[in-house]
Amino acid sequence: MRTWRLELDCDLHAPWFARHALRSWLHLVTCSDETKLDITILVSELITDAVLADGQRVSLTVTFDDGRVRIDVHATGAAPRPASTGDDTVSSRIADAVTDTWARTSQHGVAHTWAELLC
């Protein structure tokens, strides 16, 4: 199992920083280039959601285990619309298209979005 974590302030630079930092880690996992691109784009959009929801901090964890990638994004102080599949945001449309399963919840001032993909 390989796990990668990143803590960021929720500002306009967070999606860019997450994308570029994630690319280095993705070289260590066995996924197709297309799947790695899907992961990068999805992470960027999930971090963007946290920024747009006026979150204060965002925590990103990506885990590769047994041919699967799991993405967890926790945004503190965020007020996003709690939803699961079926909402009409860029990130939800991407998640619907590229993941096997995903969900979004919000509880006690922490928004949590997770997604899983088969490599």
PDB file of N, CA and C in Angstrom:
ATOM      1  N   MET A   1       0.843  -1.176   0.000  1.00  0.00           N
ATOM      2  CA  MET A   1       0.000   0.000   0.000  1.00  0.00           C
ATOM      3  C   MET A   1       0.891   1.244   0.000  1.00  0.00           C
ATOM      4  N   ARG A   2       0.543   2.192  -0.840  1.00  0.00           N
ATOM      5  CA  ARG A   2       1.240   3.482  -0.890  1.00  0.00           C
ATOM      6  C   ARG A   2       0.230   4.570  -0.569  1.00  0.00           C
ATOM      7  N   THR A   3       0.604   5.451   0.348  1.00  0.00           N
ATOM      8  CA  THR A   3      -0.279   6.541   0.738  1.00  0.00           C
ATOM      9  C   THR A   3       0.462   7.858   0.613  1.00  0.00           C
ATOM     10  N   TRP A   4      -0.240   8.849   0.117  1.00  0.00           N
ATOM     11  CA  TRP A   4       0.310  10.200  -0.064  1.00  0.00           C
ATOM     12  C   TRP A   4      -0.653  11.189   0.564  1.00  0.00           C
ATOM     13  N   ARG A   5      -0.111  12.135   1.346  1.00  0.00           N
ATOM     14  CA  ARG A   5      -0.949  13.133   2.031  1.00  0.00           C
ATOM     15  C   ARG A   5      -0.422  14.532   1.752  1.00  0.00           C
ATOM     16  N   LEU A   6      -1.380  15.465   1.725  1.00  0.00           N
ATOM     17  CA  LEU A   6      -1.044  16.863   1.501  1.00  0.00           C
ATOM     18  C   LEU A   6      -2.034  17.724   2.261  1.00  0.00           C
ATOM     19  N   GLU A   7      -1.531  18.702   2.985  1.00  0.00           N
ATOM     20  CA  GLU A   7      -2.366  19.677   3.703  1.00  0.00           C
ATOM     21  C   GLU A   7      -2.157  21.030   3.049  1.00  0.00           C
ATOM     22  N   LEU A   8      -3.251  21.723   2.761  1.00  0.00           N
ATOM     23  CA  LEU A   8      -3.171  23.008   2.066  1.00  0.00           C
ATOM     24  C   LEU A   8      -4.109  24.026   2.681  1.00  0.00           C
ATOM     25  N   ASP A   9      -3.732  25.296   2.546  1.00  0.00           N
ATOM     26  CA  ASP A   9      -4.682  26.367   2.807  1.00  0.00           C
ATOM     27  C   ASP A   9      -5.651  26.404   1.637  1.00  0.00           C
ATOM     28  N   CYS A  10      -6.887  26.742   1.901  1.00  0.00           N
ATOM     29  CA  CYS A  10      -7.880  26.861   0.821  1.00  0.00           C
ATOM     30  C   CYS A  10      -7.730  28.231   0.174  1.00  0.00           C
ATOM     31  N   ASP A  11      -6.856  28.308  -0.801  1.00  0.00           N
ATOM     32  CA  ASP A  11      -6.709  29.548  -1.555  1.00  0.00           C
ATOM     33  C   ASP A  11      -6.660  29.202  -3.039  1.00  0.00           C
ATOM     34  N   LEU A  12      -6.574  30.201  -3.868  1.00  0.00           N
ATOM     35  CA  LEU A  12      -6.647  29.986  -5.306  1.00  0.00           C
ATOM     36  C   LEU A  12      -5.483  29.174  -5.866  1.00  0.00           C
ATOM     37  N   HIS A  13      -4.396  29.070  -5.105  1.00  0.00           N
ATOM     38  CA  HIS A  13      -3.234  28.305  -5.563  1.00  0.00           C
ATOM     39  C   HIS A  13      -3.318  26.823  -5.198  1.00  0.00           C
ATOM     40  N   ALA A  14      -4.237  26.453  -4.322  1.00  0.00           N
ATOM     41  CA  ALA A  14      -4.320  25.083  -3.816  1.00  0.00           C
ATOM     42  C   ALA A  14      -4.532  24.038  -4.915  1.00  0.00           C
ATOM     43  N   PRO A  15      -5.464  24.237  -5.857  1.00  0.00           N
ATOM     44  CA  PRO A  15      -5.629  23.208  -6.899  1.00  0.00           C
ATOM     45  C   PRO A  15      -4.368  23.006  -7.737  1.00  0.00           C
ATOM     46  N   TRP A  16      -3.713  24.081  -8.101  1.00  0.00           N
ATOM     47  CA  TRP A  16      -2.473  23.989  -8.888  1.00  0.00           C
ATOM     48  C   TRP A  16      -1.412  23.231  -8.110  1.00  0.00           C
ATOM     49  N   PHE A  17      -1.226  23.605  -6.837  1.00  0.00           N
ATOM     50  CA  PHE A  17      -0.203  22.960  -6.025  1.00  0.00           C
ATOM     51  C   PHE A  17      -0.506  21.469  -5.860  1.00  0.00           C
ATOM     52  N   ALA A  18      -1.768  21.131  -5.598  1.00  0.00           N
ATOM     53  CA  ALA A  18      -2.136  19.722  -5.429  1.00  0.00           C
ATOM     54  C   ALA A  18      -1.863  18.923  -6.699  1.00  0.00           C
ATOM     55  N   ARG A  19      -2.237  19.479  -7.853  1.00  0.00           N
ATOM     56  CA  ARG A  19      -1.996  18.795  -9.137  1.00  0.00           C
ATOM     57  C   ARG A  19      -0.525  18.496  -9.342  1.00  0.00           C
ATOM     58  N   HIS A  20       0.302  19.505  -9.150  1.00  0.00           N
ATOM     59  CA  HIS A  20       1.727  19.341  -9.431  1.00  0.00           C
ATOM     60  C   HIS A  20       2.420  18.444  -8.408  1.00  0.00           C
ATOM     61  N   ALA A  21       2.028  18.525  -7.162  1.00  0.00           N
ATOM     62  CA  ALA A  21       2.624  17.653  -6.144  1.00  0.00           C
ATOM     63  C   ALA A  21       2.192  16.203  -6.359  1.00  0.00           C
ATOM     64  N   LEU A  22       0.942  16.003  -6.750  1.00  0.00           N
ATOM     65  CA  LEU A  22       0.420  14.655  -6.960  1.00  0.00           C
ATOM     66  C   LEU A  22       1.104  13.943  -8.121  1.00  0.00           C
ATOM     67  N   ARG A  23       1.449  14.657  -9.148  1.00  0.00           N
ATOM     68  CA  ARG A  23       2.068  14.030 -10.331  1.00  0.00           C
ATOM     69  C   ARG A  23       3.330  13.250  -9.984  1.00  0.00           C
ATOM     70  N   SER A  24       4.145  13.770  -9.087  1.00  0.00           N
ATOM     71  CA  SER A  24       5.370  13.059  -8.687  1.00  0.00           C
ATOM     72  C   SER A  24       5.041  11.736  -8.010  1.00  0.00           C
ATOM     73  N   TRP A  25       4.048  11.749  -7.134  1.00  0.00           N
ATOM     74  CA  TRP A  25       3.675  10.528  -6.424  1.00  0.00           C
ATOM     75  C   TRP A  25       3.083   9.498  -7.385  1.00  0.00           C
ATOM     76  N   LEU A  26       2.318   9.961  -8.352  1.00  0.00           N
ATOM     77  CA  LEU A  26       1.673   9.034  -9.281  1.00  0.00           C
ATOM     78  C   LEU A  26       2.669   8.213 -10.105  1.00  0.00           C
ATOM     79  N   HIS A  27       3.902   8.694 -10.234  1.00  0.00           N
ATOM     80  CA  HIS A  27       4.923   7.909 -10.948  1.00  0.00           C
ATOM     81  C   HIS A  27       5.261   6.627 -10.191  1.00  0.00           C
ATOM     82  N   LEU A  28       4.925   6.570  -8.907  1.00  0.00           N
ATOM     83  CA  LEU A  28       5.253   5.410  -8.079  1.00  0.00           C
ATOM     84  C   LEU A  28       4.180   4.326  -8.105  1.00  0.00           C
ATOM     85  N   VAL A  29       3.036   4.607  -8.719  1.00  0.00           N
ATOM     86  CA  VAL A  29       1.953   3.630  -8.715  1.00  0.00           C
ATOM     87  C   VAL A  29       1.752   3.041 -10.111  1.00  0.00           C
ATOM     88  N   THR A  30       1.193   1.846 -10.138  1.00  0.00           N
ATOM     89  CA  THR A  30       0.998   1.143 -11.390  1.00  0.00           C
ATOM     90  C   THR A  30      -0.427   1.368 -11.883  1.00  0.00           C
ATOM     91  N   CYS A  31      -0.597   2.421 -12.655  1.00  0.00           N
ATOM     92  CA  CYS A  31      -1.862   2.744 -13.310  1.00  0.00           C
ATOM     93  C   CYS A  31      -1.532   3.191 -14.725  1.00  0.00           C
ATOM     94  N   SER A  32      -2.520   3.111 -15.574  1.00  0.00           N
ATOM     95  CA  SER A  32      -2.304   3.608 -16.935  1.00  0.00           C
ATOM     96  C   SER A  32      -2.143   5.127 -16.900  1.00  0.00           C
ATOM     97  N   ASP A  33      -1.508   5.658 -17.926  1.00  0.00           N
ATOM     98  CA  ASP A  33      -1.350   7.114 -18.013  1.00  0.00           C
ATOM     99  C   ASP A  33      -2.714   7.800 -18.039  1.00  0.00           C
ATOM    100  N   GLU A  34      -3.682   7.190 -18.699  1.00  0.00           N
ATOM    101  CA  GLU A  34      -5.032   7.762 -18.759  1.00  0.00           C
ATOM    102  C   GLU A  34      -5.659   7.837 -17.362  1.00  0.00           C
ATOM    103  N   THR A  35      -5.498   6.780 -16.569  1.00  0.00           N
ATOM    104  CA  THR A  35      -6.038   6.777 -15.209  1.00  0.00           C
ATOM    105  C   THR A  35      -5.326   7.805 -14.338  1.00  0.00           C
ATOM    106  N   LYS A  36      -4.025   7.926 -14.500  1.00  0.00           N
ATOM    107  CA  LYS A  36      -3.276   8.930 -13.734  1.00  0.00           C
ATOM    108  C   LYS A  36      -3.766  10.341 -14.075  1.00  0.00           C
ATOM    109  N   LEU A  37      -4.056  10.585 -15.349  1.00  0.00           N
ATOM    110  CA  LEU A  37      -4.600  11.882 -15.748  1.00  0.00           C
ATOM    111  C   LEU A  37      -5.987  12.089 -15.144  1.00  0.00           C
ATOM    112  N   ASP A  38      -6.826  11.061 -15.154  1.00  0.00           N
ATOM    113  CA  ASP A  38      -8.148  11.151 -14.534  1.00  0.00           C
ATOM    114  C   ASP A  38      -8.038  11.494 -13.050  1.00  0.00           C
ATOM    115  N   ILE A  39      -7.117  10.836 -12.359  1.00  0.00           N
ATOM    116  CA  ILE A  39      -6.904  11.094 -10.931  1.00  0.00           C
ATOM    117  C   ILE A  39      -6.487  12.545 -10.718  1.00  0.00           C
ATOM    118  N   THR A  40      -5.558  13.023 -11.512  1.00  0.00           N
ATOM    119  CA  THR A  40      -5.052  14.391 -11.384  1.00  0.00           C
ATOM    120  C   THR A  40      -6.157  15.411 -11.613  1.00  0.00           C
ATOM    121  N   ILE A  41      -6.951  15.207 -12.655  1.00  0.00           N
ATOM    122  CA  ILE A  41      -8.038  16.146 -12.957  1.00  0.00           C
ATOM    123  C   ILE A  41      -9.088  16.115 -11.843  1.00  0.00           C
ATOM    124  N   LEU A  42      -9.457  14.919 -11.376  1.00  0.00           N
ATOM    125  CA  LEU A  42     -10.455  14.820 -10.316  1.00  0.00           C
ATOM    126  C   LEU A  42      -9.973  15.489  -9.032  1.00  0.00           C
ATOM    127  N   VAL A  43      -8.733  15.236  -8.648  1.00  0.00           N
ATOM    128  CA  VAL A  43      -8.186  15.871  -7.443  1.00  0.00           C
ATOM    129  C   VAL A  43      -8.218  17.387  -7.582  1.00  0.00           C
ATOM    130  N   SER A  44      -7.826  17.897  -8.719  1.00  0.00           N
ATOM    131  CA  SER A  44      -7.836  19.337  -8.944  1.00  0.00           C
ATOM    132  C   SER A  44      -9.245  19.914  -8.761  1.00  0.00           C
ATOM    133  N   GLU A  45     -10.243  19.242  -9.305  1.00  0.00           N
ATOM    134  CA  GLU A  45     -11.618  19.730  -9.186  1.00  0.00           C
ATOM    135  C   GLU A  45     -12.151  19.614  -7.761  1.00  0.00           C
ATOM    136  N   LEU A  46     -11.785  18.552  -7.052  1.00  0.00           N
ATOM    137  CA  LEU A  46     -12.237  18.411  -5.663  1.00  0.00           C
ATOM    138  C   LEU A  46     -11.614  19.478  -4.765  1.00  0.00           C
ATOM    139  N   ILE A  47     -10.353  19.790  -4.999  1.00  0.00           N
ATOM    140  CA  ILE A  47      -9.704  20.866  -4.237  1.00  0.00           C
ATOM    141  C   ILE A  47     -10.337  22.204  -4.601  1.00  0.00           C
ATOM    142  N   THR A  48     -10.646  22.402  -5.872  1.00  0.00           N
ATOM    143  CA  THR A  48     -11.325  23.629  -6.300  1.00  0.00           C
ATOM    144  C   THR A  48     -12.664  23.772  -5.584  1.00  0.00           C
ATOM    145  N   ASP A  49     -13.414  22.681  -5.458  1.00  0.00           N
ATOM    146  CA  ASP A  49     -14.687  22.721  -4.721  1.00  0.00           C
ATOM    147  C   ASP A  49     -14.482  23.213  -3.296  1.00  0.00           C
ATOM    148  N   ALA A  50     -13.427  22.723  -2.646  1.00  0.00           N
ATOM    149  CA  ALA A  50     -13.151  23.146  -1.262  1.00  0.00           C
ATOM    150  C   ALA A  50     -12.851  24.635  -1.200  1.00  0.00           C
ATOM    151  N   VAL A  51     -12.086  25.123  -2.160  1.00  0.00           N
ATOM    152  CA  VAL A  51     -11.753  26.556  -2.203  1.00  0.00           C
ATOM    153  C   VAL A  51     -13.014  27.379  -2.437  1.00  0.00           C
ATOM    154  N   LEU A  52     -13.838  26.966  -3.378  1.00  0.00           N
ATOM    155  CA  LEU A  52     -15.047  27.716  -3.708  1.00  0.00           C
ATOM    156  C   LEU A  52     -16.087  27.668  -2.592  1.00  0.00           C
ATOM    157  N   ALA A  53     -15.998  26.660  -1.728  1.00  0.00           N
ATOM    158  CA  ALA A  53     -16.920  26.542  -0.599  1.00  0.00           C
ATOM    159  C   ALA A  53     -16.424  27.323   0.616  1.00  0.00           C
ATOM    160  N   ASP A  54     -15.412  28.162   0.413  1.00  0.00           N
ATOM    161  CA  ASP A  54     -14.854  29.002   1.482  1.00  0.00           C
ATOM    162  C   ASP A  54     -14.278  28.191   2.634  1.00  0.00           C
ATOM    163  N   GLY A  55     -13.689  27.051   2.296  1.00  0.00           N
ATOM    164  CA  GLY A  55     -13.020  26.261   3.316  1.00  0.00           C
ATOM    165  C   GLY A  55     -11.774  26.978   3.815  1.00  0.00           C
ATOM    166  N   GLN A  56     -11.307  26.575   4.997  1.00  0.00           N
ATOM    167  CA  GLN A  56     -10.113  27.178   5.574  1.00  0.00           C
ATOM    168  C   GLN A  56      -8.873  26.345   5.263  1.00  0.00           C
ATOM    169  N   ARG A  57      -8.992  25.034   5.436  1.00  0.00           N
ATOM    170  CA  ARG A  57      -7.892  24.104   5.159  1.00  0.00           C
ATOM    171  C   ARG A  57      -8.453  22.921   4.400  1.00  0.00           C
ATOM    172  N   VAL A  58      -7.610  22.323   3.590  1.00  0.00           N
ATOM    173  CA  VAL A  58      -8.017  21.127   2.874  1.00  0.00           C
ATOM    174  C   VAL A  58      -6.932  20.066   3.046  1.00  0.00           C
ATOM    175  N   SER A  59      -7.380  18.860   3.314  1.00  0.00           N
ATOM    176  CA  SER A  59      -6.494  17.720   3.495  1.00  0.00           C
ATOM    177  C   SER A  59      -6.775  16.727   2.379  1.00  0.00           C
ATOM    178  N   LEU A  60      -5.737  16.312   1.700  1.00  0.00           N
ATOM    179  CA  LEU A  60      -5.858  15.367   0.592  1.00  0.00           C
ATOM    180  C   LEU A  60      -5.063  14.115   0.938  1.00  0.00           C
ATOM    181  N   THR A  61      -5.701  12.966   0.811  1.00  0.00           N
ATOM    182  CA  THR A  61      -5.030  11.684   0.978  1.00  0.00           C
ATOM    183  C   THR A  61      -5.345  10.830  -0.240  1.00  0.00           C
ATOM    184  N   VAL A  62      -4.308  10.278  -0.855  1.00  0.00           N
ATOM    185  CA  VAL A  62      -4.482   9.378  -1.998  1.00  0.00           C
ATOM    186  C   VAL A  62      -3.769   8.076  -1.646  1.00  0.00           C
ATOM    187  N   THR A  63      -4.490   6.979  -1.770  1.00  0.00           N
ATOM    188  CA  THR A  63      -3.950   5.676  -1.413  1.00  0.00           C
ATOM    189  C   THR A  63      -4.043   4.734  -2.604  1.00  0.00           C
ATOM    190  N   PHE A  64      -2.950   4.045  -2.880  1.00  0.00           N
ATOM    191  CA  PHE A  64      -2.909   3.003  -3.908  1.00  0.00           C
ATOM    192  C   PHE A  64      -2.734   1.681  -3.203  1.00  0.00           C
ATOM    193  N   ASP A  65      -3.666   0.748  -3.445  1.00  0.00           N
ATOM    194  CA  ASP A  65      -3.582  -0.557  -2.794  1.00  0.00           C
ATOM    195  C   ASP A  65      -4.253  -1.594  -3.685  1.00  0.00           C
ATOM    196  N   ASP A  66      -3.510  -2.610  -4.047  1.00  0.00           N
ATOM    197  CA  ASP A  66      -4.038  -3.745  -4.781  1.00  0.00           C
ATOM    198  C   ASP A  66      -4.786  -3.323  -6.057  1.00  0.00           C
ATOM    199  N   GLY A  67      -4.173  -2.421  -6.810  1.00  0.00           N
ATOM    200  CA  GLY A  67      -4.733  -2.016  -8.083  1.00  0.00           C
ATOM    201  C   GLY A  67      -5.854  -0.996  -8.019  1.00  0.00           C
ATOM    202  N   ARG A  68      -6.095  -0.441  -6.850  1.00  0.00           N
ATOM    203  CA  ARG A  68      -7.143   0.571  -6.664  1.00  0.00           C
ATOM    204  C   ARG A  68      -6.537   1.846  -6.100  1.00  0.00           C
ATOM    205  N   VAL A  69      -7.123   2.967  -6.487  1.00  0.00           N
ATOM    206  CA  VAL A  69      -6.744   4.261  -5.924  1.00  0.00           C
ATOM    207  C   VAL A  69      -7.952   4.822  -5.190  1.00  0.00           C
ATOM    208  N   ARG A  70      -7.724   5.286  -3.979  1.00  0.00           N
ATOM    209  CA  ARG A  70      -8.764   5.964  -3.202  1.00  0.00           C
ATOM    210  C   ARG A  70      -8.301   7.390  -2.944  1.00  0.00           C
ATOM    211  N   ILE A  71      -9.196   8.329  -3.202  1.00  0.00           N
ATOM    212  CA  ILE A  71      -8.938   9.751  -2.988  1.00  0.00           C
ATOM    213  C   ILE A  71      -9.858  10.215  -1.866  1.00  0.00           C
ATOM    214  N   ASP A  72      -9.291  10.875  -0.856  1.00  0.00           N
ATOM    215  CA  ASP A  72     -10.078  11.468   0.225  1.00  0.00           C
ATOM    216  C   ASP A  72      -9.715  12.937   0.335  1.00  0.00           C
ATOM    217  N   VAL A  73     -10.716  13.797   0.290  1.00  0.00           N
ATOM    218  CA  VAL A  73     -10.524  15.233   0.455  1.00  0.00           C
ATOM    219  C   VAL A  73     -11.395  15.674   1.626  1.00  0.00           C
ATOM    220  N   HIS A  74     -10.758  16.254   2.655  1.00  0.00           N
ATOM    221  CA  HIS A  74     -11.471  16.828   3.795  1.00  0.00           C
ATOM    222  C   HIS A  74     -11.230  18.328   3.793  1.00  0.00           C
ATOM    223  N   ALA A  75     -12.299  19.098   3.813  1.00  0.00           N
ATOM    224  CA  ALA A  75     -12.189  20.558   3.846  1.00  0.00           C
ATOM    225  C   ALA A  75     -12.819  21.060   5.137  1.00  0.00           C
ATOM    226  N   THR A  76     -12.014  21.711   5.977  1.00  0.00           N
ATOM    227  CA  THR A  76     -12.546  22.251   7.226  1.00  0.00           C
ATOM    228  C   THR A  76     -13.051  23.662   6.996  1.00  0.00           C
ATOM    229  N   GLY A  77     -14.144  23.972   7.674  1.00  0.00           N
ATOM    230  CA  GLY A  77     -14.730  25.301   7.551  1.00  0.00           C
ATOM    231  C   GLY A  77     -15.478  25.501   6.251  1.00  0.00           C
ATOM    232  N   ALA A  78     -15.619  24.454   5.459  1.00  0.00           N
ATOM    233  CA  ALA A  78     -16.295  24.575   4.163  1.00  0.00           C
ATOM    234  C   ALA A  78     -17.794  24.392   4.346  1.00  0.00           C
ATOM    235  N   ALA A  79     -18.535  25.001   3.465  1.00  0.00           N
ATOM    236  CA  ALA A  79     -19.989  24.862   3.492  1.00  0.00           C
ATOM    237  C   ALA A  79     -20.500  24.380   2.140  1.00  0.00           C
ATOM    238  N   PRO A  80     -19.953  23.272   1.631  1.00  0.00           N
ATOM    239  CA  PRO A  80     -20.422  22.800   0.327  1.00  0.00           C
ATOM    240  C   PRO A  80     -21.785  22.144   0.446  1.00  0.00           C
ATOM    241  N   ARG A  81     -22.416  21.980  -0.680  1.00  0.00           N
ATOM    242  CA  ARG A  81     -23.697  21.296  -0.704  1.00  0.00           C
ATOM    243  C   ARG A  81     -23.435  19.802  -0.509  1.00  0.00           C
ATOM    244  N   PRO A  82     -23.956  19.226   0.579  1.00  0.00           N
ATOM    245  CA  PRO A  82     -23.763  17.791   0.748  1.00  0.00           C
ATOM    246  C   PRO A  82     -24.534  17.050  -0.331  1.00  0.00           C
ATOM    247  N   ALA A  83     -23.882  16.144  -0.986  1.00  0.00           N
ATOM    248  CA  ALA A  83     -24.530  15.379  -2.050  1.00  0.00           C
ATOM    249  C   ALA A  83     -23.708  14.142  -2.324  1.00  0.00           C
ATOM    250  N   SER A  84     -24.275  13.264  -3.060  1.00  0.00           N
ATOM    251  CA  SER A  84     -23.504  12.128  -3.552  1.00  0.00           C
ATOM    252  C   SER A  84     -23.608  12.169  -5.060  1.00  0.00           C
ATOM    253  N   THR A  85     -23.561  11.046  -5.692  1.00  0.00           N
ATOM    254  CA  THR A  85     -23.624  11.051  -7.143  1.00  0.00           C
ATOM    255  C   THR A  85     -24.912  11.715  -7.598  1.00  0.00           C
ATOM    256  N   GLY A  86     -24.837  12.359  -8.742  1.00  0.00           N
ATOM    257  CA  GLY A  86     -26.029  12.955  -9.306  1.00  0.00           C
ATOM    258  C   GLY A  86     -26.111  14.463  -9.213  1.00  0.00           C
ATOM    259  N   ASP A  87     -25.261  15.123  -8.437  1.00  0.00           N
ATOM    260  CA  ASP A  87     -25.328  16.582  -8.441  1.00  0.00           C
ATOM    261  C   ASP A  87     -24.655  17.102  -9.707  1.00  0.00           C
ATOM    262  N   ASP A  88     -24.865  18.362 -10.010  1.00  0.00           N
ATOM    263  CA  ASP A  88     -24.440  18.876 -11.312  1.00  0.00           C
ATOM    264  C   ASP A  88     -23.302  19.881 -11.166  1.00  0.00           C
ATOM    265  N   THR A  89     -22.147  19.404 -10.702  1.00  0.00           N
ATOM    266  CA  THR A  89     -20.950  20.224 -10.649  1.00  0.00           C
ATOM    267  C   THR A  89     -19.919  19.590 -11.570  1.00  0.00           C
ATOM    268  N   VAL A  90     -18.893  20.360 -11.890  1.00  0.00           N
ATOM    269  CA  VAL A  90     -17.830  19.802 -12.734  1.00  0.00           C
ATOM    270  C   VAL A  90     -17.218  18.585 -12.052  1.00  0.00           C
ATOM    271  N   SER A  91     -16.929  18.707 -10.758  1.00  0.00           N
ATOM    272  CA  SER A  91     -16.286  17.580 -10.074  1.00  0.00           C
ATOM    273  C   SER A  91     -17.203  16.359 -10.030  1.00  0.00           C
ATOM    274  N   SER A  92     -18.504  16.554  -9.847  1.00  0.00           N
ATOM    275  CA  SER A  92     -19.401  15.392  -9.802  1.00  0.00           C
ATOM    276  C   SER A  92     -19.515  14.729 -11.171  1.00  0.00           C
ATOM    277  N   ARG A  93     -19.518  15.518 -12.234  1.00  0.00           N
ATOM    278  CA  ARG A  93     -19.574  14.921 -13.575  1.00  0.00           C
ATOM    279  C   ARG A  93     -18.293  14.137 -13.875  1.00  0.00           C
ATOM    280  N   ILE A  94     -17.153  14.688 -13.450  1.00  0.00           N
ATOM    281  CA  ILE A  94     -15.882  13.965 -13.637  1.00  0.00           C
ATOM    282  C   ILE A  94     -15.886  12.696 -12.798  1.00  0.00           C
ATOM    283  N   ALA A  95     -16.300  12.797 -11.532  1.00  0.00           N
ATOM    284  CA  ALA A  95     -16.344  11.620 -10.660  1.00  0.00           C
ATOM    285  C   ALA A  95     -17.272  10.557 -11.225  1.00  0.00           C
ATOM    286  N   ASP A  96     -18.433  10.963 -11.721  1.00  0.00           N
ATOM    287  CA  ASP A  96     -19.352   9.999 -12.331  1.00  0.00           C
ATOM    288  C   ASP A  96     -18.701   9.290 -13.525  1.00  0.00           C
ATOM    289  N   ALA A  97     -17.900  10.026 -14.284  1.00  0.00           N
ATOM    290  CA  ALA A  97     -17.312   9.476 -15.505  1.00  0.00           C
ATOM    291  C   ALA A  97     -16.101   8.584 -15.251  1.00  0.00           C
ATOM    292  N   VAL A  98     -15.291   8.891 -14.246  1.00  0.00           N
ATOM    293  CA  VAL A  98     -14.003   8.189 -14.134  1.00  0.00           C
ATOM    294  C   VAL A  98     -13.863   7.291 -12.909  1.00  0.00           C
ATOM    295  N   THR A  99     -14.770   7.379 -11.947  1.00  0.00           N
ATOM    296  CA  THR A  99     -14.607   6.565 -10.738  1.00  0.00           C
ATOM    297  C   THR A  99     -15.541   5.369 -10.753  1.00  0.00           C
ATOM    298  N   ASP A 100     -15.207   4.383  -9.924  1.00  0.00           N
ATOM    299  CA  ASP A 100     -16.099   3.250  -9.717  1.00  0.00           C
ATOM    300  C   ASP A 100     -17.185   3.617  -8.719  1.00  0.00           C
ATOM    301  N   THR A 101     -16.818   4.423  -7.730  1.00  0.00           N
ATOM    302  CA  THR A 101     -17.756   4.880  -6.719  1.00  0.00           C
ATOM    303  C   THR A 101     -17.205   6.140  -6.072  1.00  0.00           C
ATOM    304  N   TRP A 102     -18.100   7.001  -5.594  1.00  0.00           N
ATOM    305  CA  TRP A 102     -17.676   8.218  -4.917  1.00  0.00           C
ATOM    306  C   TRP A 102     -18.851   8.755  -4.115  1.00  0.00           C
ATOM    307  N   ALA A 103     -18.544   9.627  -3.157  1.00  0.00           N
ATOM    308  CA  ALA A 103     -19.599  10.250  -2.360  1.00  0.00           C
ATOM    309  C   ALA A 103     -19.068  11.543  -1.745  1.00  0.00           C
ATOM    310  N   ARG A 104     -20.015  12.373  -1.344  1.00  0.00           N
ATOM    311  CA  ARG A 104     -19.690  13.648  -0.693  1.00  0.00           C
ATOM    312  C   ARG A 104     -20.615  13.801   0.510  1.00  0.00           C
ATOM    313  N   THR A 105     -20.015  14.138   1.662  1.00  0.00           N
ATOM    314  CA  THR A 105     -20.793  14.373   2.871  1.00  0.00           C
ATOM    315  C   THR A 105     -20.284  15.646   3.539  1.00  0.00           C
ATOM    316  N   SER A 106     -21.088  16.167   4.435  1.00  0.00           N
ATOM    317  CA  SER A 106     -20.673  17.332   5.207  1.00  0.00           C
ATOM    318  C   SER A 106     -21.224  17.179   6.610  1.00  0.00           C
ATOM    319  N   GLN A 107     -20.321  17.323   7.599  1.00  0.00           N
ATOM    320  CA  GLN A 107     -20.730  17.123   8.973  1.00  0.00           C
ATOM    321  C   GLN A 107     -19.822  17.919   9.901  1.00  0.00           C
ATOM    322  N   HIS A 108     -20.410  18.666  10.800  1.00  0.00           N
ATOM    323  CA  HIS A 108     -19.672  19.417  11.816  1.00  0.00           C
ATOM    324  C   HIS A 108     -18.603  20.321  11.214  1.00  0.00           C
ATOM    325  N   GLY A 109     -18.936  20.995  10.124  1.00  0.00           N
ATOM    326  CA  GLY A 109     -18.009  21.942   9.512  1.00  0.00           C
ATOM    327  C   GLY A 109     -16.891  21.318   8.699  1.00  0.00           C
ATOM    328  N   VAL A 110     -16.970  20.018   8.461  1.00  0.00           N
ATOM    329  CA  VAL A 110     -15.961  19.342   7.637  1.00  0.00           C
ATOM    330  C   VAL A 110     -16.665  18.668   6.465  1.00  0.00           C
ATOM    331  N   ALA A 111     -16.281  19.068   5.264  1.00  0.00           N
ATOM    332  CA  ALA A 111     -16.800  18.428   4.056  1.00  0.00           C
ATOM    333  C   ALA A 111     -15.837  17.313   3.670  1.00  0.00           C
ATOM    334  N   HIS A 112     -16.374  16.149   3.356  1.00  0.00           N
ATOM    335  CA  HIS A 112     -15.549  15.003   2.985  1.00  0.00           C
ATOM    336  C   HIS A 112     -16.039  14.466   1.646  1.00  0.00           C
ATOM    337  N   THR A 113     -15.137  14.384   0.690  1.00  0.00           N
ATOM    338  CA  THR A 113     -15.423  13.750  -0.596  1.00  0.00           C
ATOM    339  C   THR A 113     -14.418  12.628  -0.775  1.00  0.00           C
ATOM    340  N   TRP A 114     -14.904  11.467  -1.163  1.00  0.00           N
ATOM    341  CA  TRP A 114     -14.015  10.343  -1.437  1.00  0.00           C
ATOM    342  C   TRP A 114     -14.406   9.714  -2.774  1.00  0.00           C
ATOM    343  N   ALA A 115     -13.426   9.099  -3.387  1.00  0.00           N
ATOM    344  CA  ALA A 115     -13.643   8.434  -4.672  1.00  0.00           C
ATOM    345  C   ALA A 115     -12.693   7.261  -4.796  1.00  0.00           C
ATOM    346  N   GLU A 116     -13.119   6.231  -5.507  1.00  0.00           N
ATOM    347  CA  GLU A 116     -12.278   5.074  -5.763  1.00  0.00           C
ATOM    348  C   GLU A 116     -12.259   4.760  -7.250  1.00  0.00           C
ATOM    349  N   LEU A 117     -11.062   4.417  -7.745  1.00  0.00           N
ATOM    350  CA  LEU A 117     -10.864   4.068  -9.143  1.00  0.00           C
ATOM    351  C   LEU A 117     -10.058   2.791  -9.224  1.00  0.00           C
ATOM    352  N   LEU A 118     -10.370   1.976 -10.188  1.00  0.00           N
ATOM    353  CA  LEU A 118      -9.583   0.795 -10.481  1.00  0.00           C
ATOM    354  C   LEU A 118      -8.527   1.184 -11.495  1.00  0.00           C
ATOM    355  N   CYS A 119      -7.282   0.811 -11.227  1.00  0.00           N
ATOM    356  CA  CYS A 119      -6.182   1.156 -12.154  1.00  0.00           C
ATOM    357  C   CYS A 119      -6.104   0.185 -13.300  1.00  0.00           C
TER     358      CYS A 119
END
